Amino acid sequence: MAKPPTANPHDRRMEATSEKLRAALDRLVRGDGQCSNTAIARLTVAALAREAGVGRNAIYANHRGILDELIRARQQQRVPDRIITIEDKITEQRSVIEDMQQQIRQLATENAGLMRRAIEAERRADRAERRSAQLTKEVDTLRRPTLLRSPDGDTRDADTVTLPPMPRGP
């Protein structure tokens, strides 16, 4: 029976670090890591290194496979973030639409009130114009010369009297 080759200390240390990084990455992706509050929001090399208890340089220098897994996990996390962002935008836009519809209803109500007031003002203006025409006609009638009659009703001896002109108002 052949003995399995013994790994040197460097290989064992690399393997142990790799296991720590994979376990830390799994915790971060699940959201139950030690730094989960910040790690959930951002899957970064720094967060992974803190979670695994190793230096960032070790990840960059010796564990490119873990780095690639981190990038894939970050990309998968972005898709739900985009969906949430889009849903938030839709919710916000619906709120804006509701506000605008309410403003439209208020403006329509205000517009109807203003229309009623304008129509009533036009009616009053028409009445005032008719009354002004009537009064002008009466003034013109009063300014015409009239014959003065004698007490017996005879107009032959009466003189024609002209009334002084009435002052015209503005």
Protein backbone atom coordinates (compact mmCIF):
# COMPACT_ATOMS: atom_id res chain seq x y z
CA MET A 1 0.00 0.00 0.00
CA ALA A 2 1.30 3.39 -1.01
CA LYS A 3 1.27 6.24 1.42
CA PRO A 4 -0.56 9.35 0.26
CA PRO A 5 1.86 12.16 -0.38
CA THR A 6 2.08 14.52 2.54
CA ALA A 7 1.31 18.11 1.81
CA ASN A 8 3.79 20.70 2.79
CA PRO A 9 2.75 23.34 5.38
CA HIS A 10 2.25 25.99 2.72
CA ASP A 11 -0.29 23.85 0.81
CA ARG A 12 -2.12 22.98 4.03
CA ARG A 13 -2.29 26.66 4.98
CA MET A 14 -3.60 27.58 1.49
CA GLU A 15 -6.24 24.83 1.72
CA ALA A 16 -7.33 25.97 5.21
CA THR A 17 -7.57 29.61 4.03
CA SER A 18 -9.57 28.52 1.00
CA GLU A 19 -12.02 26.63 3.23
CA LYS A 20 -12.37 29.66 5.51
CA LEU A 21 -13.04 31.91 2.51
CA ARG A 22 -15.66 29.56 1.00
CA ALA A 23 -17.44 29.26 4.36
CA ALA A 24 -17.31 33.04 4.85
CA LEU A 25 -18.64 33.62 1.30
CA ASP A 26 -21.53 31.22 1.96
CA ARG A 27 -22.38 33.09 5.19
CA LEU A 28 -22.26 36.45 3.44
CA VAL A 29 -24.47 35.27 0.60
CA ARG A 30 -27.00 33.82 3.07
CA GLY A 31 -26.79 37.02 5.12
CA ASP A 32 -25.93 35.38 8.43
CA GLY A 33 -22.29 36.40 8.72
CA GLN A 34 -20.72 38.27 11.62
CA CYS A 35 -20.80 41.49 9.61
CA SER A 36 -24.14 40.69 7.99
CA ASN A 37 -25.61 44.20 8.27
CA THR A 38 -23.00 45.64 5.94
CA ALA A 39 -22.20 42.43 4.07
CA ILE A 40 -25.73 41.91 2.83
CA ALA A 41 -25.76 45.32 1.28
CA ARG A 42 -22.31 44.88 -0.30
CA LEU A 43 -20.45 41.72 -1.20
CA THR A 44 -16.91 43.06 -1.30
CA VAL A 45 -13.45 41.60 -0.95
CA ALA A 46 -13.02 43.58 2.28
CA ALA A 47 -16.25 42.14 3.73
CA LEU A 48 -15.21 38.63 2.72
CA ALA A 49 -11.75 39.08 4.24
CA ARG A 50 -13.23 40.38 7.51
CA GLU A 51 -15.71 37.52 7.67
CA ALA A 52 -13.03 34.87 7.02
CA GLY A 53 -10.43 36.52 9.22
CA VAL A 54 -7.81 36.74 6.48
CA GLY A 55 -6.10 39.60 4.67
CA ARG A 56 -7.42 40.99 1.41
CA ASN A 57 -4.08 40.47 -0.26
CA ALA A 58 -4.34 36.72 0.32
CA ILE A 59 -7.58 36.67 -1.66
CA TYR A 60 -6.14 38.66 -4.55
CA ALA A 61 -2.81 36.84 -4.64
CA ASN A 62 -3.67 33.20 -3.91
CA HIS A 63 -7.43 32.62 -4.19
CA ARG A 64 -8.59 33.86 -7.60
CA GLY A 65 -11.28 31.14 -7.71
CA ILE A 66 -12.89 32.54 -4.53
CA LEU A 67 -12.64 36.03 -6.01
CA ASP A 68 -14.51 34.83 -9.13
CA GLU A 69 -17.20 33.25 -6.92
CA LEU A 70 -17.53 36.54 -5.04
CA ILE A 71 -18.03 38.43 -8.31
CA ARG A 72 -20.70 35.94 -9.45
CA ALA A 73 -22.48 36.22 -6.08
CA ARG A 74 -22.41 40.01 -6.33
CA GLN A 75 -23.89 39.89 -9.84
CA GLN A 76 -26.66 37.56 -8.67
CA GLN A 77 -27.37 39.89 -5.78
CA ARG A 78 -27.66 42.89 -8.12
CA VAL A 79 -30.57 41.39 -10.05
CA PRO A 80 -32.89 41.38 -7.01
CA ASP A 81 -31.56 44.84 -6.09
CA ARG A 82 -32.54 46.10 -9.52
CA ILE A 83 -35.96 44.51 -9.19
CA ILE A 84 -36.42 46.15 -5.80
CA THR A 85 -35.22 49.46 -7.24
CA ILE A 86 -37.65 49.18 -10.15
CA GLU A 87 -40.50 48.26 -7.79
CA ASP A 88 -39.62 51.27 -5.62
CA LYS A 89 -39.66 53.51 -8.68
CA ILE A 90 -43.01 52.11 -9.77
CA THR A 91 -44.43 52.67 -6.29
CA GLU A 92 -43.06 56.21 -6.25
CA GLN A 93 -44.46 56.93 -9.71
CA ARG A 94 -47.86 55.57 -8.72
CA SER A 95 -47.80 57.89 -5.72
CA VAL A 96 -46.94 60.83 -7.99
CA ILE A 97 -49.74 59.83 -10.36
CA GLU A 98 -52.24 59.71 -7.48
CA ASP A 99 -51.09 63.15 -6.30
CA MET A 100 -51.46 64.56 -9.80
CA GLN A 101 -54.92 63.03 -10.19
CA GLN A 102 -55.93 64.65 -6.90
CA GLN A 103 -54.58 67.98 -8.16
CA ILE A 104 -56.54 67.54 -11.40
CA ARG A 105 -59.74 66.94 -9.41
CA GLN A 106 -59.07 70.02 -7.27
CA LEU A 107 -58.34 72.14 -10.34
CA ALA A 108 -61.49 70.88 -12.08
CA THR A 109 -63.56 71.83 -9.04
CA GLU A 110 -61.92 75.24 -8.85
CA ASN A 111 -62.38 75.71 -12.59
CA ALA A 112 -66.10 74.89 -12.34
CA GLY A 113 -66.50 77.45 -9.55
CA LEU A 114 -64.68 80.09 -11.57
CA MET A 115 -66.84 79.32 -14.61
CA ARG A 116 -70.00 79.82 -12.53
CA ARG A 117 -68.66 83.12 -11.25
CA ALA A 118 -67.72 84.25 -14.77
CA ILE A 119 -71.15 83.36 -16.14
CA GLU A 120 -72.84 85.21 -13.28
CA ALA A 121 -70.58 88.23 -13.86
CA GLU A 122 -71.53 88.23 -17.55
CA ARG A 123 -75.24 88.13 -16.61
CA ARG A 124 -74.78 91.05 -14.21
CA ALA A 125 -72.87 92.96 -16.89
CA ASP A 126 -75.69 92.33 -19.39
CA ARG A 127 -78.30 93.50 -16.85
CA ALA A 128 -76.22 96.59 -16.07
CA GLU A 129 -75.84 97.33 -19.78
CA ARG A 130 -79.61 97.00 -20.35
CA ARG A 131 -80.32 99.22 -17.33
CA SER A 132 -77.80 101.77 -18.57
CA ALA A 133 -79.48 101.81 -22.00
CA GLN A 134 -82.89 102.24 -20.32
CA LEU A 135 -81.64 105.12 -18.17
CA THR A 136 -79.97 106.77 -21.16
CA LYS A 137 -83.27 106.55 -23.05
CA GLU A 138 -85.11 108.10 -20.09
CA VAL A 139 -82.55 110.93 -19.86
CA ASP A 140 -82.86 111.59 -23.59
CA THR A 141 -86.65 111.70 -23.22
CA LEU A 142 -86.38 114.15 -20.34
CA ARG A 143 -84.04 116.43 -22.31
CA ARG A 144 -86.40 116.90 -25.25
CA PRO A 145 -88.26 120.18 -25.39
CA THR A 146 -91.79 120.01 -24.02
CA LEU A 147 -94.78 122.21 -24.51
CA LEU A 148 -96.11 123.93 -21.47
CA ARG A 149 -99.87 123.95 -21.32
CA SER A 150 -102.10 126.54 -19.87
CA PRO A 151 -104.37 125.59 -17.01
CA ASP A 152 -107.31 125.31 -19.39
CA GLY A 153 -105.41 122.86 -21.59
CA ASP A 154 -104.88 125.28 -24.46
CA THR A 155 -101.42 125.13 -25.97
CA ARG A 156 -101.83 128.05 -28.38
CA ASP A 157 -100.74 130.72 -25.94
CA ALA A 158 -98.10 128.63 -24.23
CA ASP A 159 -94.47 129.16 -24.86
CA THR A 160 -92.13 126.34 -25.69
CA VAL A 161 -89.78 125.74 -22.84
CA THR A 162 -86.52 123.88 -23.21
CA LEU A 163 -85.11 122.21 -20.15
CA PRO A 164 -81.44 122.75 -19.45
CA PRO A 165 -79.23 119.83 -20.41
CA MET A 166 -78.54 117.32 -17.69
CA PRO A 167 -74.97 116.62 -16.89
CA ARG A 168 -73.76 113.29 -18.23
CA GLY A 169 -72.02 110.99 -15.87
CA PRO A 170 -68.99 108.90 -16.62
